[in-house]
Amino acid sequence: MPKLSPELLSVLRCPVTGSHLVQEGEELVTVTADDSGNKLRYRIEDGIPLLLPPELLSAATGAPAVEGDAGEPDGAQHDGGPDAEGQEGTRQKGAGQEGTAPRHAAE
């Protein structure tokens, strides 16, 4: 496993404690312990540190990614570009969204 760059390590922090992280093999380890006295460990997969708290990591790695649901609120659909007919995309109301005026690039 190649080492992460010193520049990347200098900005990464533990999401639970805020501690600096050091690389030990294929894991990042907190410099300071948490409230229970444990140093937290985070896996590195394909060169990408998985900085999720332990209780969320199993849920994130066990759930398959759904294509097209990245970043949209529940029930919202958005297509900012032109559609197949060349018309500008629209945002449809999803759960919890009230009607709002469209925002224009000049704003």
PDB file of N, CA and C in Angstrom:
ATOM      1  N   MET A   1       0.861  -1.197   0.000  1.00  0.00           N
ATOM      2  CA  MET A   1       0.000   0.000   0.000  1.00  0.00           C
ATOM      3  C   MET A   1       0.887   1.233   0.000  1.00  0.00           C
ATOM      4  N   PRO A   2       0.719   2.097  -0.987  1.00  0.00           N
ATOM      5  CA  PRO A   2       1.489   3.342  -0.989  1.00  0.00           C
ATOM      6  C   PRO A   2       1.039   4.257   0.145  1.00  0.00           C
ATOM      7  N   LYS A   3       1.982   5.027   0.619  1.00  0.00           N
ATOM      8  CA  LYS A   3       1.665   5.956   1.698  1.00  0.00           C
ATOM      9  C   LYS A   3       0.892   7.146   1.148  1.00  0.00           C
ATOM     10  N   LEU A   4      -0.038   7.660   1.958  1.00  0.00           N
ATOM     11  CA  LEU A   4      -0.758   8.882   1.600  1.00  0.00           C
ATOM     12  C   LEU A   4       0.229  10.045   1.663  1.00  0.00           C
ATOM     13  N   SER A   5      -0.013  11.051   0.873  1.00  0.00           N
ATOM     14  CA  SER A   5       0.899  12.187   0.834  1.00  0.00           C
ATOM     15  C   SER A   5       0.862  12.955   2.161  1.00  0.00           C
ATOM     16  N   PRO A   6       2.007  13.528   2.548  1.00  0.00           N
ATOM     17  CA  PRO A   6       2.035  14.335   3.776  1.00  0.00           C
ATOM     18  C   PRO A   6       1.050  15.507   3.721  1.00  0.00           C
ATOM     19  N   GLU A   7       0.824  16.064   2.527  1.00  0.00           N
ATOM     20  CA  GLU A   7      -0.126  17.172   2.384  1.00  0.00           C
ATOM     21  C   GLU A   7      -1.538  16.727   2.733  1.00  0.00           C
ATOM     22  N   LEU A   8      -1.921  15.540   2.260  1.00  0.00           N
ATOM     23  CA  LEU A   8      -3.253  15.022   2.570  1.00  0.00           C
ATOM     24  C   LEU A   8      -3.372  14.715   4.060  1.00  0.00           C
ATOM     25  N   LEU A   9      -2.378  14.059   4.616  1.00  0.00           N
ATOM     26  CA  LEU A   9      -2.419  13.730   6.044  1.00  0.00           C
ATOM     27  C   LEU A   9      -2.479  14.982   6.916  1.00  0.00           C
ATOM     28  N   SER A  10      -1.905  16.079   6.441  1.00  0.00           N
ATOM     29  CA  SER A  10      -1.895  17.305   7.251  1.00  0.00           C
ATOM     30  C   SER A  10      -3.284  17.923   7.377  1.00  0.00           C
ATOM     31  N   VAL A  11      -4.200  17.616   6.447  1.00  0.00           N
ATOM     32  CA  VAL A  11      -5.542  18.213   6.504  1.00  0.00           C
ATOM     33  C   VAL A  11      -6.613  17.242   6.991  1.00  0.00           C
ATOM     34  N   LEU A  12      -6.329  15.948   6.977  1.00  0.00           N
ATOM     35  CA  LEU A  12      -7.312  14.972   7.421  1.00  0.00           C
ATOM     36  C   LEU A  12      -7.424  14.983   8.943  1.00  0.00           C
ATOM     37  N   ARG A  13      -8.641  14.802   9.435  1.00  0.00           N
ATOM     38  CA  ARG A  13      -8.905  14.739  10.876  1.00  0.00           C
ATOM     39  C   ARG A  13      -9.896  13.613  11.133  1.00  0.00           C
ATOM     40  N   CYS A  14      -9.841  13.079  12.326  1.00  0.00           N
ATOM     41  CA  CYS A  14     -10.796  12.068  12.747  1.00  0.00           C
ATOM     42  C   CYS A  14     -12.170  12.728  12.846  1.00  0.00           C
ATOM     43  N   PRO A  15     -13.205  12.140  12.234  1.00  0.00           N
ATOM     44  CA  PRO A  15     -14.537  12.746  12.295  1.00  0.00           C
ATOM     45  C   PRO A  15     -15.181  12.648  13.676  1.00  0.00           C
ATOM     46  N   VAL A  16     -14.658  11.803  14.547  1.00  0.00           N
ATOM     47  CA  VAL A  16     -15.229  11.634  15.877  1.00  0.00           C
ATOM     48  C   VAL A  16     -14.545  12.546  16.892  1.00  0.00           C
ATOM     49  N   THR A  17     -13.210  12.526  16.904  1.00  0.00           N
ATOM     50  CA  THR A  17     -12.462  13.269  17.928  1.00  0.00           C
ATOM     51  C   THR A  17     -11.840  14.562  17.428  1.00  0.00           C
ATOM     52  N   GLY A  18     -11.683  14.699  16.110  1.00  0.00           N
ATOM     53  CA  GLY A  18     -11.000  15.867  15.553  1.00  0.00           C
ATOM     54  C   GLY A  18      -9.491  15.738  15.601  1.00  0.00           C
ATOM     55  N   SER A  19      -8.985  14.597  16.027  1.00  0.00           N
ATOM     56  CA  SER A  19      -7.555  14.349  16.172  1.00  0.00           C
ATOM     57  C   SER A  19      -6.866  14.241  14.810  1.00  0.00           C
ATOM     58  N   HIS A  20      -5.571  14.562  14.787  1.00  0.00           N
ATOM     59  CA  HIS A  20      -4.759  14.289  13.605  1.00  0.00           C
ATOM     60  C   HIS A  20      -4.720  12.784  13.395  1.00  0.00           C
ATOM     61  N   LEU A  21      -4.394  12.371  12.176  1.00  0.00           N
ATOM     62  CA  LEU A  21      -4.317  10.958  11.835  1.00  0.00           C
ATOM     63  C   LEU A  21      -2.928  10.623  11.314  1.00  0.00           C
ATOM     64  N   VAL A  22      -2.453   9.423  11.604  1.00  0.00           N
ATOM     65  CA  VAL A  22      -1.197   8.923  11.058  1.00  0.00           C
ATOM     66  C   VAL A  22      -1.488   7.610  10.350  1.00  0.00           C
ATOM     67  N   GLN A  23      -0.706   7.329   9.314  1.00  0.00           N
ATOM     68  CA  GLN A  23      -0.921   6.105   8.571  1.00  0.00           C
ATOM     69  C   GLN A  23      -0.111   4.974   9.188  1.00  0.00           C
ATOM     70  N   GLU A  24      -0.774   3.858   9.431  1.00  0.00           N
ATOM     71  CA  GLU A  24      -0.140   2.620   9.878  1.00  0.00           C
ATOM     72  C   GLU A  24      -0.591   1.530   8.926  1.00  0.00           C
ATOM     73  N   GLY A  25       0.254   1.190   7.977  1.00  0.00           N
ATOM     74  CA  GLY A  25      -0.099   0.186   6.974  1.00  0.00           C
ATOM     75  C   GLY A  25      -1.253   0.667   6.119  1.00  0.00           C
ATOM     76  N   GLU A  26      -2.351  -0.105   6.125  1.00  0.00           N
ATOM     77  CA  GLU A  26      -3.525   0.243   5.325  1.00  0.00           C
ATOM     78  C   GLU A  26      -4.620   0.869   6.168  1.00  0.00           C
ATOM     79  N   GLU A  27      -4.224   1.538   7.244  1.00  0.00           N
ATOM     80  CA  GLU A  27      -5.180   2.215   8.119  1.00  0.00           C
ATOM     81  C   GLU A  27      -4.649   3.584   8.516  1.00  0.00           C
ATOM     82  N   LEU A  28      -5.594   4.458   8.856  1.00  0.00           N
ATOM     83  CA  LEU A  28      -5.256   5.718   9.504  1.00  0.00           C
ATOM     84  C   LEU A  28      -5.655   5.569  10.960  1.00  0.00           C
ATOM     85  N   VAL A  29      -4.797   6.036  11.856  1.00  0.00           N
ATOM     86  CA  VAL A  29      -5.019   5.889  13.291  1.00  0.00           C
ATOM     87  C   VAL A  29      -4.974   7.271  13.924  1.00  0.00           C
ATOM     88  N   THR A  30      -5.893   7.527  14.871  1.00  0.00           N
ATOM     89  CA  THR A  30      -5.911   8.816  15.550  1.00  0.00           C
ATOM     90  C   THR A  30      -4.666   8.959  16.422  1.00  0.00           C
ATOM     91  N   VAL A  31      -4.183  10.184  16.529  1.00  0.00           N
ATOM     92  CA  VAL A  31      -3.029  10.475  17.370  1.00  0.00           C
ATOM     93  C   VAL A  31      -3.446  10.466  18.837  1.00  0.00           C
ATOM     94  N   THR A  32      -4.630  10.995  19.115  1.00  0.00           N
ATOM     95  CA  THR A  32      -5.136  11.012  20.494  1.00  0.00           C
ATOM     96  C   THR A  32      -6.318  10.054  20.619  1.00  0.00           C
ATOM     97  N   ALA A  33      -6.507   9.542  21.819  1.00  0.00           N
ATOM     98  CA  ALA A  33      -7.574   8.578  22.074  1.00  0.00           C
ATOM     99  C   ALA A  33      -8.920   9.282  22.234  1.00  0.00           C
ATOM    100  N   ASP A  34     -10.000   8.503  22.053  1.00  0.00           N
ATOM    101  CA  ASP A  34     -11.346   9.032  22.267  1.00  0.00           C
ATOM    102  C   ASP A  34     -11.670   9.021  23.762  1.00  0.00           C
ATOM    103  N   ASP A  35     -12.916   9.314  24.112  1.00  0.00           N
ATOM    104  CA  ASP A  35     -13.333   9.376  25.520  1.00  0.00           C
ATOM    105  C   ASP A  35     -13.167   8.045  26.252  1.00  0.00           C
ATOM    106  N   SER A  36     -13.197   6.938  25.508  1.00  0.00           N
ATOM    107  CA  SER A  36     -13.047   5.612  26.124  1.00  0.00           C
ATOM    108  C   SER A  36     -11.588   5.190  26.229  1.00  0.00           C
ATOM    109  N   GLY A  37     -10.674   6.030  25.747  1.00  0.00           N
ATOM    110  CA  GLY A  37      -9.254   5.701  25.794  1.00  0.00           C
ATOM    111  C   GLY A  37      -8.764   4.906  24.604  1.00  0.00           C
ATOM    112  N   ASN A  38      -9.598   4.782  23.568  1.00  0.00           N
ATOM    113  CA  ASN A  38      -9.225   4.016  22.379  1.00  0.00           C
ATOM    114  C   ASN A  38      -8.766   4.936  21.255  1.00  0.00           C
ATOM    115  N   LYS A  39      -7.735   4.491  20.535  1.00  0.00           N
ATOM    116  CA  LYS A  39      -7.349   5.190  19.319  1.00  0.00           C
ATOM    117  C   LYS A  39      -8.194   4.600  18.195  1.00  0.00           C
ATOM    118  N   LEU A  40      -8.887   5.457  17.466  1.00  0.00           N
ATOM    119  CA  LEU A  40      -9.780   4.999  16.401  1.00  0.00           C
ATOM    120  C   LEU A  40      -8.979   4.713  15.145  1.00  0.00           C
ATOM    121  N   ARG A  41      -9.436   3.726  14.386  1.00  0.00           N
ATOM    122  CA  ARG A  41      -8.746   3.296  13.168  1.00  0.00           C
ATOM    123  C   ARG A  41      -9.710   3.389  11.993  1.00  0.00           C
ATOM    124  N   TYR A  42      -9.184   3.837  10.857  1.00  0.00           N
ATOM    125  CA  TYR A  42      -9.978   3.982   9.634  1.00  0.00           C
ATOM    126  C   TYR A  42      -9.251   3.287   8.495  1.00  0.00           C
ATOM    127  N   ARG A  43      -9.977   2.459   7.760  1.00  0.00           N
ATOM    128  CA  ARG A  43      -9.402   1.736   6.615  1.00  0.00           C
ATOM    129  C   ARG A  43      -9.093   2.682   5.471  1.00  0.00           C
ATOM    130  N   ILE A  44      -8.133   2.265   4.659  1.00  0.00           N
ATOM    131  CA  ILE A  44      -7.826   2.937   3.393  1.00  0.00           C
ATOM    132  C   ILE A  44      -8.095   1.905   2.309  1.00  0.00           C
ATOM    133  N   GLU A  45      -9.028   2.202   1.415  1.00  0.00           N
ATOM    134  CA  GLU A  45      -9.348   1.285   0.315  1.00  0.00           C
ATOM    135  C   GLU A  45      -9.066   1.963  -1.003  1.00  0.00           C
ATOM    136  N   ASP A  46      -8.257   1.320  -1.825  1.00  0.00           N
ATOM    137  CA  ASP A  46      -7.883   1.850  -3.136  1.00  0.00           C
ATOM    138  C   ASP A  46      -7.323   3.262  -3.019  1.00  0.00           C
ATOM    139  N   GLY A  47      -6.560   3.515  -1.951  1.00  0.00           N
ATOM    140  CA  GLY A  47      -5.950   4.824  -1.753  1.00  0.00           C
ATOM    141  C   GLY A  47      -6.880   5.887  -1.211  1.00  0.00           C
ATOM    142  N   ILE A  48      -8.110   5.496  -0.839  1.00  0.00           N
ATOM    143  CA  ILE A  48      -9.103   6.455  -0.337  1.00  0.00           C
ATOM    144  C   ILE A  48      -9.388   6.157   1.134  1.00  0.00           C
ATOM    145  N   PRO A  49      -9.092   7.114   2.026  1.00  0.00           N
ATOM    146  CA  PRO A  49      -9.412   6.897   3.435  1.00  0.00           C
ATOM    147  C   PRO A  49     -10.917   6.888   3.662  1.00  0.00           C
ATOM    148  N   LEU A  50     -11.411   5.886   4.375  1.00  0.00           N
ATOM    149  CA  LEU A  50     -12.838   5.787   4.690  1.00  0.00           C
ATOM    150  C   LEU A  50     -13.043   6.398   6.075  1.00  0.00           C
ATOM    151  N   LEU A  51     -13.296   7.686   6.109  1.00  0.00           N
ATOM    152  CA  LEU A  51     -13.381   8.423   7.367  1.00  0.00           C
ATOM    153  C   LEU A  51     -14.814   8.520   7.871  1.00  0.00           C
ATOM    154  N   LEU A  52     -15.442   7.375   8.034  1.00  0.00           N
ATOM    155  CA  LEU A  52     -16.781   7.320   8.607  1.00  0.00           C
ATOM    156  C   LEU A  52     -16.671   6.805  10.026  1.00  0.00           C
ATOM    157  N   PRO A  53     -17.456   7.369  10.948  1.00  0.00           N
ATOM    158  CA  PRO A  53     -17.476   6.817  12.302  1.00  0.00           C
ATOM    159  C   PRO A  53     -17.838   5.337  12.239  1.00  0.00           C
ATOM    160  N   PRO A  54     -17.305   4.528  13.156  1.00  0.00           N
ATOM    161  CA  PRO A  54     -17.519   3.079  13.101  1.00  0.00           C
ATOM    162  C   PRO A  54     -18.974   2.671  12.970  1.00  0.00           C
ATOM    163  N   GLU A  55     -19.891   3.364  13.664  1.00  0.00           N
ATOM    164  CA  GLU A  55     -21.305   2.972  13.608  1.00  0.00           C
ATOM    165  C   GLU A  55     -21.935   3.238  12.242  1.00  0.00           C
ATOM    166  N   LEU A  56     -21.341   4.112  11.433  1.00  0.00           N
ATOM    167  CA  LEU A  56     -21.882   4.399  10.103  1.00  0.00           C
ATOM    168  C   LEU A  56     -21.174   3.622   8.997  1.00  0.00           C
ATOM    169  N   LEU A  57     -19.979   3.139   9.263  1.00  0.00           N
ATOM    170  CA  LEU A  57     -19.203   2.462   8.234  1.00  0.00           C
ATOM    171  C   LEU A  57     -19.896   1.204   7.735  1.00  0.00           C
ATOM    172  N   SER A  58     -20.432   0.378   8.638  1.00  0.00           N
ATOM    173  CA  SER A  58     -21.085  -0.858   8.203  1.00  0.00           C
ATOM    174  C   SER A  58     -22.320  -0.560   7.374  1.00  0.00           C
ATOM    175  N   ALA A  59     -23.054   0.484   7.736  1.00  0.00           N
ATOM    176  CA  ALA A  59     -24.245   0.848   6.966  1.00  0.00           C
ATOM    177  C   ALA A  59     -23.852   1.356   5.582  1.00  0.00           C
ATOM    178  N   ALA A  60     -22.776   2.122   5.507  1.00  0.00           N
ATOM    179  CA  ALA A  60     -22.356   2.699   4.230  1.00  0.00           C
ATOM    180  C   ALA A  60     -21.778   1.651   3.297  1.00  0.00           C
ATOM    181  N   THR A  61     -21.028   0.707   3.820  1.00  0.00           N
ATOM    182  CA  THR A  61     -20.421  -0.308   2.965  1.00  0.00           C
ATOM    183  C   THR A  61     -21.384  -1.434   2.636  1.00  0.00           C
ATOM    184  N   GLY A  62     -22.458  -1.601   3.428  1.00  0.00           N
ATOM    185  CA  GLY A  62     -23.420  -2.659   3.189  1.00  0.00           C
ATOM    186  C   GLY A  62     -24.542  -2.264   2.246  1.00  0.00           C
ATOM    187  N   ALA A  63     -24.769  -0.964   2.087  1.00  0.00           N
ATOM    188  CA  ALA A  63     -25.860  -0.497   1.233  1.00  0.00           C
ATOM    189  C   ALA A  63     -25.339  -0.229  -0.172  1.00  0.00           C
ATOM    190  N   PRO A  64     -25.959  -0.831  -1.181  1.00  0.00           N
ATOM    191  CA  PRO A  64     -25.516  -0.575  -2.551  1.00  0.00           C
ATOM    192  C   PRO A  64     -25.843   0.856  -2.963  1.00  0.00           C
ATOM    193  N   ALA A  65     -24.958   1.444  -3.739  1.00  0.00           N
ATOM    194  CA  ALA A  65     -25.192   2.795  -4.246  1.00  0.00           C
ATOM    195  C   ALA A  65     -26.289   2.748  -5.301  1.00  0.00           C
ATOM    196  N   VAL A  66     -27.175   3.726  -5.263  1.00  0.00           N
ATOM    197  CA  VAL A  66     -28.251   3.819  -6.243  1.00  0.00           C
ATOM    198  C   VAL A  66     -27.878   4.904  -7.221  1.00  0.00           C
ATOM    199  N   GLU A  67     -27.821   4.550  -8.493  1.00  0.00           N
ATOM    200  CA  GLU A  67     -27.435   5.519  -9.505  1.00  0.00           C
ATOM    201  C   GLU A  67     -28.442   6.650  -9.567  1.00  0.00           C
ATOM    202  N   GLY A  68     -27.948   7.874  -9.525  1.00  0.00           N
ATOM    203  CA  GLY A  68     -28.801   9.039  -9.692  1.00  0.00           C
ATOM    204  C   GLY A  68     -29.364   9.607  -8.418  1.00  0.00           C
ATOM    205  N   ASP A  69     -29.043   9.049  -7.218  1.00  0.00           N
ATOM    206  CA  ASP A  69     -29.617   9.627  -6.008  1.00  0.00           C
ATOM    207  C   ASP A  69     -28.605  10.438  -5.208  1.00  0.00           C
ATOM    208  N   ALA A  70     -27.485  10.749  -5.788  1.00  0.00           N
ATOM    209  CA  ALA A  70     -26.453  11.487  -5.061  1.00  0.00           C
ATOM    210  C   ALA A  70     -26.848  12.938  -4.846  1.00  0.00           C
ATOM    211  N   GLY A  71     -27.030  13.321  -3.602  1.00  0.00           N
ATOM    212  CA  GLY A  71     -27.210  14.713  -3.243  1.00  0.00           C
ATOM    213  C   GLY A  71     -28.581  15.315  -3.419  1.00  0.00           C
ATOM    214  N   GLU A  72     -29.565  14.587  -3.875  1.00  0.00           N
ATOM    215  CA  GLU A  72     -30.892  15.163  -4.053  1.00  0.00           C
ATOM    216  C   GLU A  72     -31.746  14.889  -2.829  1.00  0.00           C
ATOM    217  N   PRO A  73     -32.551  15.831  -2.399  1.00  0.00           N
ATOM    218  CA  PRO A  73     -33.460  15.590  -1.275  1.00  0.00           C
ATOM    219  C   PRO A  73     -34.456  14.492  -1.613  1.00  0.00           C
ATOM    220  N   ASP A  74     -35.069  13.912  -0.589  1.00  0.00           N
ATOM    221  CA  ASP A  74     -36.052  12.850  -0.811  1.00  0.00           C
ATOM    222  C   ASP A  74     -37.110  13.278  -1.809  1.00  0.00           C
ATOM    223  N   GLY A  75     -37.255  12.496  -2.852  1.00  0.00           N
ATOM    224  CA  GLY A  75     -38.313  12.745  -3.813  1.00  0.00           C
ATOM    225  C   GLY A  75     -38.020  13.832  -4.832  1.00  0.00           C
ATOM    226  N   ALA A  76     -36.932  14.553  -4.713  1.00  0.00           N
ATOM    227  CA  ALA A  76     -36.650  15.641  -5.653  1.00  0.00           C
ATOM    228  C   ALA A  76     -35.946  15.088  -6.872  1.00  0.00           C
ATOM    229  N   GLN A  77     -36.271  15.636  -8.004  1.00  0.00           N
ATOM    230  CA  GLN A  77     -35.594  15.285  -9.233  1.00  0.00           C
ATOM    231  C   GLN A  77     -35.076  16.562  -9.838  1.00  0.00           C
ATOM    232  N   HIS A  78     -33.844  16.504 -10.344  1.00  0.00           N
ATOM    233  CA  HIS A  78     -33.253  17.713 -10.891  1.00  0.00           C
ATOM    234  C   HIS A  78     -32.439  17.353 -12.110  1.00  0.00           C
ATOM    235  N   ASP A  79     -32.603  18.131 -13.118  1.00  0.00           N
ATOM    236  CA  ASP A  79     -31.804  17.989 -14.319  1.00  0.00           C
ATOM    237  C   ASP A  79     -31.478  19.394 -14.772  1.00  0.00           C
ATOM    238  N   GLY A  80     -30.294  19.858 -14.460  1.00  0.00           N
ATOM    239  CA  GLY A  80     -29.934  21.230 -14.756  1.00  0.00           C
ATOM    240  C   GLY A  80     -29.621  21.484 -16.215  1.00  0.00           C
ATOM    241  N   GLY A  81     -29.365  20.453 -16.994  1.00  0.00           N
ATOM    242  CA  GLY A  81     -28.991  20.648 -18.388  1.00  0.00           C
ATOM    243  C   GLY A  81     -30.166  20.463 -19.317  1.00  0.00           C
ATOM    244  N   PRO A  82     -29.922  20.666 -20.611  1.00  0.00           N
ATOM    245  CA  PRO A  82     -30.999  20.488 -21.585  1.00  0.00           C
ATOM    246  C   PRO A  82     -31.431  19.025 -21.660  1.00  0.00           C
ATOM    247  N   ASP A  83     -32.716  18.809 -21.918  1.00  0.00           N
ATOM    248  CA  ASP A  83     -33.185  17.443 -22.042  1.00  0.00           C
ATOM    249  C   ASP A  83     -32.997  16.970 -23.483  1.00  0.00           C
ATOM    250  N   ALA A  84     -33.537  15.785 -23.796  1.00  0.00           N
ATOM    251  CA  ALA A  84     -33.347  15.210 -25.120  1.00  0.00           C
ATOM    252  C   ALA A  84     -33.925  16.082 -26.220  1.00  0.00           C
ATOM    253  N   GLU A  85     -34.910  16.927 -25.892  1.00  0.00           N
ATOM    254  CA  GLU A  85     -35.523  17.790 -26.892  1.00  0.00           C
ATOM    255  C   GLU A  85     -34.898  19.172 -26.912  1.00  0.00           C
ATOM    256  N   GLY A  86     -33.816  19.384 -26.133  1.00  0.00           N
ATOM    257  CA  GLY A  86     -33.138  20.664 -26.123  1.00  0.00           C
ATOM    258  C   GLY A  86     -33.728  21.686 -25.175  1.00  0.00           C
ATOM    259  N   GLN A  87     -34.770  21.283 -24.395  1.00  0.00           N
ATOM    260  CA  GLN A  87     -35.388  22.205 -23.443  1.00  0.00           C
ATOM    261  C   GLN A  87     -34.576  22.215 -22.155  1.00  0.00           C
ATOM    262  N   GLU A  88     -34.530  23.351 -21.503  1.00  0.00           N
ATOM    263  CA  GLU A  88     -33.804  23.470 -20.241  1.00  0.00           C
ATOM    264  C   GLU A  88     -34.477  22.602 -19.185  1.00  0.00           C
ATOM    265  N   GLY A  89     -33.662  21.910 -18.345  1.00  0.00           N
ATOM    266  CA  GLY A  89     -34.180  21.026 -17.308  1.00  0.00           C
ATOM    267  C   GLY A  89     -34.922  21.806 -16.233  1.00  0.00           C
ATOM    268  N   THR A  90     -35.776  21.107 -15.509  1.00  0.00           N
ATOM    269  CA  THR A  90     -36.549  21.734 -14.447  1.00  0.00           C
ATOM    270  C   THR A  90     -36.377  20.961 -13.163  1.00  0.00           C
ATOM    271  N   ARG A  91     -36.708  21.587 -12.060  1.00  0.00           N
ATOM    272  CA  ARG A  91     -36.672  20.927 -10.751  1.00  0.00           C
ATOM    273  C   ARG A  91     -38.113  20.681 -10.341  1.00  0.00           C
ATOM    274  N   GLN A  92     -38.411  19.433 -10.050  1.00  0.00           N
ATOM    275  CA  GLN A  92     -39.750  19.078  -9.613  1.00  0.00           C
ATOM    276  C   GLN A  92     -39.783  19.089  -8.099  1.00  0.00           C
ATOM    277  N   LYS A  93     -40.937  19.447  -7.546  1.00  0.00           N
ATOM    278  CA  LYS A  93     -41.073  19.484  -6.097  1.00  0.00           C
ATOM    279  C   LYS A  93     -41.031  18.071  -5.536  1.00  0.00           C
ATOM    280  N   GLY A  94     -40.255  17.925  -4.447  1.00  0.00           N
ATOM    281  CA  GLY A  94     -40.204  16.657  -3.731  1.00  0.00           C
ATOM    282  C   GLY A  94     -40.833  16.851  -2.371  1.00  0.00           C
ATOM    283  N   ALA A  95     -40.721  15.853  -1.539  1.00  0.00           N
ATOM    284  CA  ALA A  95     -41.290  15.914  -0.195  1.00  0.00           C
ATOM    285  C   ALA A  95     -40.685  17.069   0.576  1.00  0.00           C
ATOM    286  N   GLY A  96     -41.515  17.905   1.156  1.00  0.00           N
ATOM    287  CA  GLY A  96     -41.041  18.996   1.993  1.00  0.00           C
ATOM    288  C   GLY A  96     -40.605  20.238   1.247  1.00  0.00           C
ATOM    289  N   GLN A  97     -40.757  20.267  -0.060  1.00  0.00           N
ATOM    290  CA  GLN A  97     -40.351  21.444  -0.820  1.00  0.00           C
ATOM    291  C   GLN A  97     -41.579  22.253  -1.191  1.00  0.00           C
ATOM    292  N   GLU A  98     -41.531  23.514  -0.874  1.00  0.00           N
ATOM    293  CA  GLU A  98     -42.597  24.416  -1.266  1.00  0.00           C
ATOM    294  C   GLU A  98     -42.185  25.081  -2.577  1.00  0.00           C
ATOM    295  N   GLY A  99     -43.156  25.648  -3.278  1.00  0.00           N
ATOM    296  CA  GLY A  99     -42.852  26.322  -4.530  1.00  0.00           C
ATOM    297  C   GLY A  99     -41.958  27.534  -4.296  1.00  0.00           C
ATOM    298  N   THR A 100     -40.898  27.608  -5.045  1.00  0.00           N
ATOM    299  CA  THR A 100     -39.994  28.751  -4.955  1.00  0.00           C
ATOM    300  C   THR A 100     -39.709  29.249  -6.353  1.00  0.00           C
ATOM    301  N   ALA A 101     -39.376  30.506  -6.429  1.00  0.00           N
ATOM    302  CA  ALA A 101     -39.049  31.086  -7.731  1.00  0.00           C
ATOM    303  C   ALA A 101     -37.739  30.509  -8.228  1.00  0.00           C
ATOM    304  N   PRO A 102     -37.621  30.272  -9.519  1.00  0.00           N
ATOM    305  CA  PRO A 102     -36.373  29.741 -10.052  1.00  0.00           C
ATOM    306  C   PRO A 102     -35.247  30.748  -9.892  1.00  0.00           C
ATOM    307  N   ARG A 103     -34.062  30.248  -9.684  1.00  0.00           N
ATOM    308  CA  ARG A 103     -32.878  31.114  -9.557  1.00  0.00           C
ATOM    309  C   ARG A 103     -32.225  31.204 -10.929  1.00  0.00           C
ATOM    310  N   HIS A 104     -31.767  32.366 -11.256  1.00  0.00           N
ATOM    311  CA  HIS A 104     -31.121  32.584 -12.546  1.00  0.00           C
ATOM    312  C   HIS A 104     -29.654  32.821 -12.342  1.00  0.00           C
ATOM    313  N   ALA A 105     -28.873  32.590 -13.369  1.00  0.00           N
ATOM    314  CA  ALA A 105     -27.434  32.722 -13.282  1.00  0.00           C
ATOM    315  C   ALA A 105     -27.009  34.156 -12.924  1.00  0.00           C
ATOM    316  N   ALA A 106     -27.803  35.139 -13.269  1.00  0.00           N
ATOM    317  CA  ALA A 106     -27.445  36.535 -13.015  1.00  0.00           C
ATOM    318  C   ALA A 106     -27.584  36.909 -11.542  1.00  0.00           C
ATOM    319  N   GLU A 107     -28.260  36.090 -10.741  1.00  0.00           N
ATOM    320  CA  GLU A 107     -28.472  36.418  -9.317  1.00  0.00           C
ATOM    321  C   GLU A 107     -27.231  36.240  -8.516  1.00  0.00           C
TER     322      GLU A 107
END
